[in-house]
Amino acid sequence: MFLFYVGNVKAMENMKKNKLELIFNVKPISKDNYRAAVPIKKGNKYICIPRLDDYYKEYEDCLAQEAIEQMEIQGIKNIIEDEIFVEKLVFYFNRKPTQMDFFNFGKSLFDSLNGIVYKDDSQIQGFNGMGWKTKDKENPRIELTIRW
């Protein structure tokens, strides 16, 4: 686990107390893993085919749908248009977490919430809180708390 702050200190001090807590019941994946091409041998040649693009699209759609449902339950009816700060971001894997960069997983999550939770992930002004990767074999998931 680590605690840190990255972002605009003045904006964070003036931050409103609005809060959204999201739990995504999916195994975390990184977009970078699913952009790679897989070499396939065809006769004497190798060709490269896209790797699991459809799977990644389903992952993004699942995150978006779960965010919509949880926003409704928490009474948030509109897309957030203000500056946003991440308070908590935790990735629970069904196996020991890889050495992959923590922020690659975050980038995948934040990209998938564009136009759903906020207009664009560029509204995220900083990370003020805690974040980590850990193992939960029975319940892989992502937990995200944001404030604005």
Protein backbone atom coordinates (compact mmCIF):
# COMPACT_ATOMS: atom_id res chain seq x y z
CA MET A 1 0.00 0.00 0.00
CA PHE A 2 1.14 3.53 -0.57
CA LEU A 3 -0.15 6.97 0.31
CA PHE A 4 0.66 9.94 -1.84
CA TYR A 5 -0.60 13.16 -3.31
CA VAL A 6 -0.15 14.31 -6.87
CA GLY A 7 -1.93 17.37 -8.21
CA ASN A 8 -2.94 20.96 -7.62
CA VAL A 9 -2.72 21.64 -3.85
CA LYS A 10 -4.85 24.84 -3.96
CA ALA A 11 -7.64 23.12 -5.90
CA MET A 12 -7.55 20.15 -3.52
CA GLU A 13 -7.86 22.43 -0.49
CA ASN A 14 -10.98 24.01 -1.99
CA MET A 15 -12.40 20.67 -3.05
CA LYS A 16 -16.09 20.14 -2.43
CA LYS A 17 -17.20 17.27 -0.25
CA ASN A 18 -19.09 15.39 -2.96
CA LYS A 19 -18.05 11.76 -3.03
CA LEU A 20 -18.64 8.78 -5.30
CA GLU A 21 -17.62 5.26 -4.27
CA LEU A 22 -17.53 2.64 -7.00
CA ILE A 23 -16.86 -1.09 -6.78
CA PHE A 24 -16.37 -2.89 -10.07
CA ASN A 25 -16.79 -6.65 -9.83
CA VAL A 26 -14.32 -7.49 -12.58
CA LYS A 27 -10.75 -8.76 -12.71
CA PRO A 28 -8.53 -5.70 -13.32
CA ILE A 29 -6.80 -5.63 -16.68
CA SER A 30 -4.52 -3.11 -18.35
CA LYS A 31 -5.25 -1.66 -21.76
CA ASP A 32 -1.55 -1.95 -22.60
CA ASN A 33 -1.79 -5.75 -22.41
CA TYR A 34 -4.61 -5.85 -24.90
CA ARG A 35 -3.06 -3.57 -27.50
CA ALA A 36 -0.26 -5.97 -28.28
CA ALA A 37 -0.33 -8.14 -31.36
CA VAL A 38 0.11 -11.89 -31.22
CA PRO A 39 2.36 -13.53 -33.82
CA ILE A 40 0.70 -16.54 -35.45
CA LYS A 41 2.58 -18.92 -37.74
CA LYS A 42 0.82 -19.43 -41.07
CA GLY A 43 2.78 -21.75 -43.30
CA ASN A 44 6.35 -20.44 -43.39
CA LYS A 45 5.37 -16.92 -42.35
CA TYR A 46 4.30 -15.21 -39.16
CA ILE A 47 1.39 -12.80 -39.18
CA CYS A 48 0.34 -10.53 -36.34
CA ILE A 49 -3.28 -10.43 -35.24
CA PRO A 50 -4.83 -8.07 -32.68
CA ARG A 51 -4.89 -9.53 -29.21
CA LEU A 52 -8.29 -9.76 -27.49
CA ASP A 53 -9.63 -6.38 -28.64
CA ASP A 54 -13.19 -7.64 -28.21
CA TYR A 55 -12.43 -8.82 -24.68
CA TYR A 56 -11.09 -5.38 -23.72
CA LYS A 57 -14.15 -3.67 -25.22
CA GLU A 58 -16.41 -5.93 -23.11
CA TYR A 59 -14.32 -4.99 -20.06
CA GLU A 60 -14.80 -1.26 -20.72
CA ASP A 61 -18.54 -1.75 -21.30
CA CYS A 62 -18.86 -3.67 -18.03
CA LEU A 63 -17.07 -0.91 -16.09
CA ALA A 64 -19.31 1.72 -17.67
CA GLN A 65 -22.52 -0.17 -16.91
CA GLU A 66 -21.54 -0.81 -13.30
CA ALA A 67 -20.65 2.89 -12.87
CA ILE A 68 -24.05 3.97 -14.24
CA GLU A 69 -25.90 1.62 -11.88
CA GLN A 70 -23.89 2.70 -8.82
CA MET A 71 -24.20 6.41 -9.62
CA GLU A 72 -27.98 5.98 -9.77
CA ILE A 73 -28.02 4.19 -6.39
CA GLN A 74 -25.92 7.00 -4.86
CA GLY A 75 -28.20 9.69 -6.32
CA ILE A 76 -25.70 11.12 -8.81
CA LYS A 77 -27.76 11.96 -11.89
CA ASN A 78 -25.38 14.01 -14.02
CA ILE A 79 -21.90 13.62 -15.42
CA ILE A 80 -19.42 15.33 -13.11
CA GLU A 81 -18.09 18.52 -14.71
CA ASP A 82 -15.87 19.78 -11.86
CA GLU A 83 -12.26 19.03 -11.00
CA ILE A 84 -11.93 15.52 -9.57
CA PHE A 85 -9.55 14.04 -7.03
CA VAL A 86 -9.01 10.32 -6.55
CA GLU A 87 -9.21 9.41 -2.88
CA LYS A 88 -8.90 5.62 -3.11
CA LEU A 89 -7.96 3.20 -5.88
CA VAL A 90 -7.49 -0.50 -5.12
CA PHE A 91 -7.06 -3.38 -7.55
CA TYR A 92 -7.88 -6.85 -6.21
CA PHE A 93 -6.57 -9.70 -8.39
CA ASN A 94 -7.50 -13.39 -8.29
CA ARG A 95 -3.78 -14.20 -8.10
CA LYS A 96 -0.66 -12.48 -6.84
CA PRO A 97 -0.53 -9.06 -8.56
CA THR A 98 1.92 -8.69 -11.41
CA GLN A 99 4.81 -6.26 -11.42
CA MET A 100 2.91 -4.18 -13.98
CA ASP A 101 2.75 -0.48 -13.32
CA PHE A 102 -0.10 0.44 -10.96
CA PHE A 103 -0.98 3.44 -13.14
CA ASN A 104 -1.49 1.32 -16.28
CA PHE A 105 -4.46 -0.31 -14.55
CA GLY A 106 -5.72 3.11 -13.45
CA LYS A 107 -5.44 4.51 -16.96
CA SER A 108 -7.59 1.68 -18.30
CA LEU A 109 -10.22 2.31 -15.64
CA PHE A 110 -10.25 6.10 -16.04
CA ASP A 111 -10.47 5.89 -19.85
CA SER A 112 -13.49 3.60 -19.62
CA LEU A 113 -15.36 6.11 -17.39
CA ASN A 114 -15.05 9.00 -19.88
CA GLY A 115 -18.51 10.29 -20.72
CA ILE A 116 -20.06 8.18 -17.95
CA VAL A 117 -18.81 9.52 -14.61
CA TYR A 118 -17.05 12.63 -15.97
CA LYS A 119 -16.71 14.30 -19.36
CA ASP A 120 -13.04 13.41 -19.69
CA ASP A 121 -10.41 11.92 -17.42
CA SER A 122 -8.40 15.13 -17.84
CA GLN A 123 -10.71 16.49 -15.09
CA ILE A 124 -8.79 14.32 -12.63
CA GLN A 125 -6.53 16.85 -10.96
CA GLY A 126 -4.76 14.64 -8.49
CA PHE A 127 -4.55 11.54 -6.39
CA ASN A 128 -4.91 12.30 -2.72
CA GLY A 129 -5.14 9.15 -0.72
CA MET A 130 -4.24 5.53 -0.96
CA GLY A 131 -3.82 3.00 -3.70
CA TRP A 132 -2.53 -0.53 -3.99
CA LYS A 133 -2.68 -3.87 -5.76
CA THR A 134 -3.44 -7.00 -3.77
CA LYS A 135 -4.83 -10.54 -4.02
CA ASP A 136 -8.41 -11.66 -3.34
CA LYS A 137 -8.80 -15.04 -5.05
CA GLU A 138 -12.53 -15.25 -4.34
CA ASN A 139 -13.52 -11.71 -5.28
CA PRO A 140 -11.33 -9.89 -7.84
CA ARG A 141 -12.52 -6.30 -8.19
CA ILE A 142 -11.62 -2.62 -8.44
CA GLU A 143 -12.55 -0.09 -5.76
CA LEU A 144 -12.51 3.61 -6.63
CA THR A 145 -13.47 6.63 -4.53
CA ILE A 146 -13.46 10.11 -6.07
CA ARG A 147 -14.28 13.57 -4.68
CA TRP A 148 -15.19 16.79 -6.38
